[in-house]
């Protein structure tokens, strides 16, 4: 028998205990994933080259956003999320590989998240 309170919490926050660093958080797609991951219980940070309306939106939700990209953003504790536009030789991706951090393409993480709950996709 399972604890229905625990089951309810897991359903409400299926990403609790996970941590993501999202490159390109100033864009529409990655910022949307950042907000969803945050709402589902993950710790989320992100970076982008410039501020945008999307960085303002995620900051307003309490998500830490830094400007610029660099290997120092990879702390070994967060999964890395990148768009397919980020080359595999980018310093953040290289550092993630060096410290054993899993790197998700944005679309891959979206696929995992749609499996966590019933989804309606348009």
C-alpha atoms as a PDB file:
ATOM      1  CA  UNK A   1       0.000   0.000   0.000  1.00  0.00           C
ATOM      2  CA  UNK A   2       1.285   3.488  -0.778  1.00  0.00           C
ATOM      3  CA  UNK A   3       0.928   6.701   1.167  1.00  0.00           C
ATOM      4  CA  UNK A   4      -1.647   8.717  -0.768  1.00  0.00           C
ATOM      5  CA  UNK A   5      -0.133  11.953   0.561  1.00  0.00           C
ATOM      6  CA  UNK A   6       3.239  11.024  -0.915  1.00  0.00           C
ATOM      7  CA  UNK A   7       1.604   9.948  -4.171  1.00  0.00           C
ATOM      8  CA  UNK A   8      -0.268  13.257  -4.364  1.00  0.00           C
ATOM      9  CA  UNK A   9       2.916  15.235  -3.716  1.00  0.00           C
ATOM     10  CA  UNK A  10       4.809  13.263  -6.383  1.00  0.00           C
ATOM     11  CA  UNK A  11       1.998  13.925  -8.849  1.00  0.00           C
ATOM     12  CA  UNK A  12       2.005  17.641  -8.001  1.00  0.00           C
ATOM     13  CA  UNK A  13       5.796  17.970  -8.122  1.00  0.00           C
ATOM     14  CA  UNK A  14       7.200  15.184 -10.298  1.00  0.00           C
ATOM     15  CA  UNK A  15      10.587  16.949 -10.550  1.00  0.00           C
ATOM     16  CA  UNK A  16      11.113  17.461  -6.811  1.00  0.00           C
ATOM     17  CA  UNK A  17      14.726  16.815  -5.884  1.00  0.00           C
ATOM     18  CA  UNK A  18      16.059  17.481  -9.388  1.00  0.00           C
ATOM     19  CA  UNK A  19      18.077  20.490 -10.472  1.00  0.00           C
ATOM     20  CA  UNK A  20      18.469  21.998 -13.949  1.00  0.00           C
ATOM     21  CA  UNK A  21      20.732  24.667 -15.430  1.00  0.00           C
ATOM     22  CA  UNK A  22      19.174  25.959 -18.647  1.00  0.00           C
ATOM     23  CA  UNK A  23      21.264  27.601 -21.348  1.00  0.00           C
ATOM     24  CA  UNK A  24      19.261  30.004 -23.494  1.00  0.00           C
ATOM     25  CA  UNK A  25      16.712  30.742 -20.772  1.00  0.00           C
ATOM     26  CA  UNK A  26      15.996  34.067 -22.488  1.00  0.00           C
ATOM     27  CA  UNK A  27      14.209  32.310 -25.346  1.00  0.00           C
ATOM     28  CA  UNK A  28      10.578  31.244 -25.583  1.00  0.00           C
ATOM     29  CA  UNK A  29      11.163  27.479 -25.536  1.00  0.00           C
ATOM     30  CA  UNK A  30      13.764  27.175 -22.794  1.00  0.00           C
ATOM     31  CA  UNK A  31      12.054  29.766 -20.570  1.00  0.00           C
ATOM     32  CA  UNK A  32       8.817  27.783 -20.804  1.00  0.00           C
ATOM     33  CA  UNK A  33      10.632  24.590 -19.760  1.00  0.00           C
ATOM     34  CA  UNK A  34      12.286  26.496 -16.909  1.00  0.00           C
ATOM     35  CA  UNK A  35       8.918  27.653 -15.588  1.00  0.00           C
ATOM     36  CA  UNK A  36       7.411  24.183 -15.870  1.00  0.00           C
ATOM     37  CA  UNK A  37      10.371  22.521 -14.150  1.00  0.00           C
ATOM     38  CA  UNK A  38      10.222  25.127 -11.373  1.00  0.00           C
ATOM     39  CA  UNK A  39       6.469  24.650 -10.906  1.00  0.00           C
ATOM     40  CA  UNK A  40       6.987  20.881 -10.774  1.00  0.00           C
ATOM     41  CA  UNK A  41       9.469  21.157  -7.917  1.00  0.00           C
ATOM     42  CA  UNK A  42      12.898  21.311  -9.562  1.00  0.00           C
ATOM     43  CA  UNK A  43      15.580  23.819  -8.639  1.00  0.00           C
ATOM     44  CA  UNK A  44      16.213  25.845 -11.806  1.00  0.00           C
ATOM     45  CA  UNK A  45      18.940  28.262 -12.855  1.00  0.00           C
ATOM     46  CA  UNK A  46      19.727  29.602 -16.278  1.00  0.00           C
ATOM     47  CA  UNK A  47      21.862  31.801 -18.452  1.00  0.00           C
ATOM     48  CA  UNK A  48      21.648  33.704 -21.696  1.00  0.00           C
ATOM     49  CA  UNK A  49      23.665  36.284 -23.590  1.00  0.00           C
ATOM     50  CA  UNK A  50      21.169  39.114 -23.051  1.00  0.00           C
ATOM     51  CA  UNK A  51      18.132  40.069 -21.034  1.00  0.00           C
ATOM     52  CA  UNK A  52      14.739  39.655 -22.670  1.00  0.00           C
ATOM     53  CA  UNK A  53      11.087  39.680 -21.725  1.00  0.00           C
ATOM     54  CA  UNK A  54      11.511  35.953 -21.034  1.00  0.00           C
ATOM     55  CA  UNK A  55      14.418  36.448 -18.608  1.00  0.00           C
ATOM     56  CA  UNK A  56      12.329  39.070 -16.814  1.00  0.00           C
ATOM     57  CA  UNK A  57       9.448  36.599 -16.590  1.00  0.00           C
ATOM     58  CA  UNK A  58      11.491  33.738 -15.135  1.00  0.00           C
ATOM     59  CA  UNK A  59      13.290  36.072 -12.727  1.00  0.00           C
ATOM     60  CA  UNK A  60       9.890  37.293 -11.508  1.00  0.00           C
ATOM     61  CA  UNK A  61       9.112  33.665 -10.665  1.00  0.00           C
ATOM     62  CA  UNK A  62      12.283  33.455  -8.548  1.00  0.00           C
ATOM     63  CA  UNK A  63      14.490  31.619 -11.043  1.00  0.00           C
ATOM     64  CA  UNK A  64      18.139  32.741 -10.935  1.00  0.00           C
ATOM     65  CA  UNK A  65      19.340  33.997 -14.326  1.00  0.00           C
ATOM     66  CA  UNK A  66      22.866  35.139 -15.133  1.00  0.00           C
ATOM     67  CA  UNK A  67      23.996  36.919 -18.267  1.00  0.00           C
ATOM     68  CA  UNK A  68      26.721  35.282 -20.309  1.00  0.00           C
ATOM     69  CA  UNK A  69      27.781  31.694 -20.765  1.00  0.00           C
ATOM     70  CA  UNK A  70      30.707  29.853 -19.242  1.00  0.00           C
ATOM     71  CA  UNK A  71      31.964  26.593 -17.820  1.00  0.00           C
ATOM     72  CA  UNK A  72      31.751  28.037 -14.290  1.00  0.00           C
ATOM     73  CA  UNK A  73      27.955  27.704 -14.491  1.00  0.00           C
ATOM     74  CA  UNK A  74      28.280  23.916 -14.322  1.00  0.00           C
ATOM     75  CA  UNK A  75      28.505  22.919 -10.671  1.00  0.00           C
ATOM     76  CA  UNK A  76      28.104  19.174 -11.063  1.00  0.00           C
ATOM     77  CA  UNK A  77      24.784  19.136  -9.251  1.00  0.00           C
ATOM     78  CA  UNK A  78      22.427  20.243 -12.000  1.00  0.00           C
ATOM     79  CA  UNK A  79      21.378  18.581 -15.212  1.00  0.00           C
ATOM     80  CA  UNK A  80      22.176  20.800 -18.210  1.00  0.00           C
ATOM     81  CA  UNK A  81      19.482  21.779 -20.712  1.00  0.00           C
ATOM     82  CA  UNK A  82      20.527  23.217 -24.086  1.00  0.00           C
ATOM     83  CA  UNK A  83      18.925  23.949 -27.418  1.00  0.00           C
ATOM     84  CA  UNK A  84      20.159  22.144 -30.506  1.00  0.00           C
ATOM     85  CA  UNK A  85      21.837  25.430 -31.499  1.00  0.00           C
ATOM     86  CA  UNK A  86      24.445  25.025 -28.721  1.00  0.00           C
ATOM     87  CA  UNK A  87      27.449  23.208 -30.211  1.00  0.00           C
ATOM     88  CA  UNK A  88      28.856  20.149 -28.451  1.00  0.00           C
ATOM     89  CA  UNK A  89      32.201  21.933 -28.040  1.00  0.00           C
ATOM     90  CA  UNK A  90      30.659  24.846 -26.113  1.00  0.00           C
ATOM     91  CA  UNK A  91      32.510  25.285 -22.775  1.00  0.00           C
ATOM     92  CA  UNK A  92      29.395  24.601 -20.679  1.00  0.00           C
ATOM     93  CA  UNK A  93      28.655  21.373 -22.546  1.00  0.00           C
ATOM     94  CA  UNK A  94      32.298  20.299 -22.360  1.00  0.00           C
ATOM     95  CA  UNK A  95      32.389  20.977 -18.603  1.00  0.00           C
ATOM     96  CA  UNK A  96      29.156  19.035 -18.115  1.00  0.00           C
ATOM     97  CA  UNK A  97      30.751  16.032 -19.801  1.00  0.00           C
ATOM     98  CA  UNK A  98      33.889  16.349 -17.687  1.00  0.00           C
ATOM     99  CA  UNK A  99      31.981  16.279 -14.391  1.00  0.00           C
ATOM    100  CA  UNK A 100      29.390  13.687 -15.443  1.00  0.00           C
ATOM    101  CA  UNK A 101      26.409  16.028 -15.700  1.00  0.00           C
ATOM    102  CA  UNK A 102      23.619  14.763 -17.948  1.00  0.00           C
ATOM    103  CA  UNK A 103      22.945  17.111 -20.877  1.00  0.00           C
ATOM    104  CA  UNK A 104      19.422  17.317 -22.267  1.00  0.00           C
ATOM    105  CA  UNK A 105      18.464  18.801 -25.587  1.00  0.00           C
ATOM    106  CA  UNK A 106      15.451  21.037 -25.004  1.00  0.00           C
ATOM    107  CA  UNK A 107      13.198  18.745 -27.028  1.00  0.00           C
ATOM    108  CA  UNK A 108      14.346  15.645 -25.140  1.00  0.00           C
ATOM    109  CA  UNK A 109      13.457  17.190 -21.791  1.00  0.00           C
ATOM    110  CA  UNK A 110      10.113  18.326 -23.180  1.00  0.00           C
ATOM    111  CA  UNK A 111       9.444  14.716 -24.175  1.00  0.00           C
ATOM    112  CA  UNK A 112      10.247  13.473 -20.680  1.00  0.00           C
ATOM    113  CA  UNK A 113       8.040  16.110 -19.070  1.00  0.00           C
ATOM    114  CA  UNK A 114       5.067  15.229 -21.265  1.00  0.00           C
ATOM    115  CA  UNK A 115       5.345  11.659 -19.974  1.00  0.00           C
ATOM    116  CA  UNK A 116       5.225  12.781 -16.334  1.00  0.00           C
ATOM    117  CA  UNK A 117       1.575  13.813 -16.584  1.00  0.00           C
ATOM    118  CA  UNK A 118      -1.293  13.705 -19.024  1.00  0.00           C
ATOM    119  CA  UNK A 119      -0.615  16.394 -21.619  1.00  0.00           C
ATOM    120  CA  UNK A 120      -2.524  18.291 -24.238  1.00  0.00           C
ATOM    121  CA  UNK A 121      -0.140  19.538 -26.910  1.00  0.00           C
ATOM    122  CA  UNK A 122      -1.071  21.946 -29.656  1.00  0.00           C
END
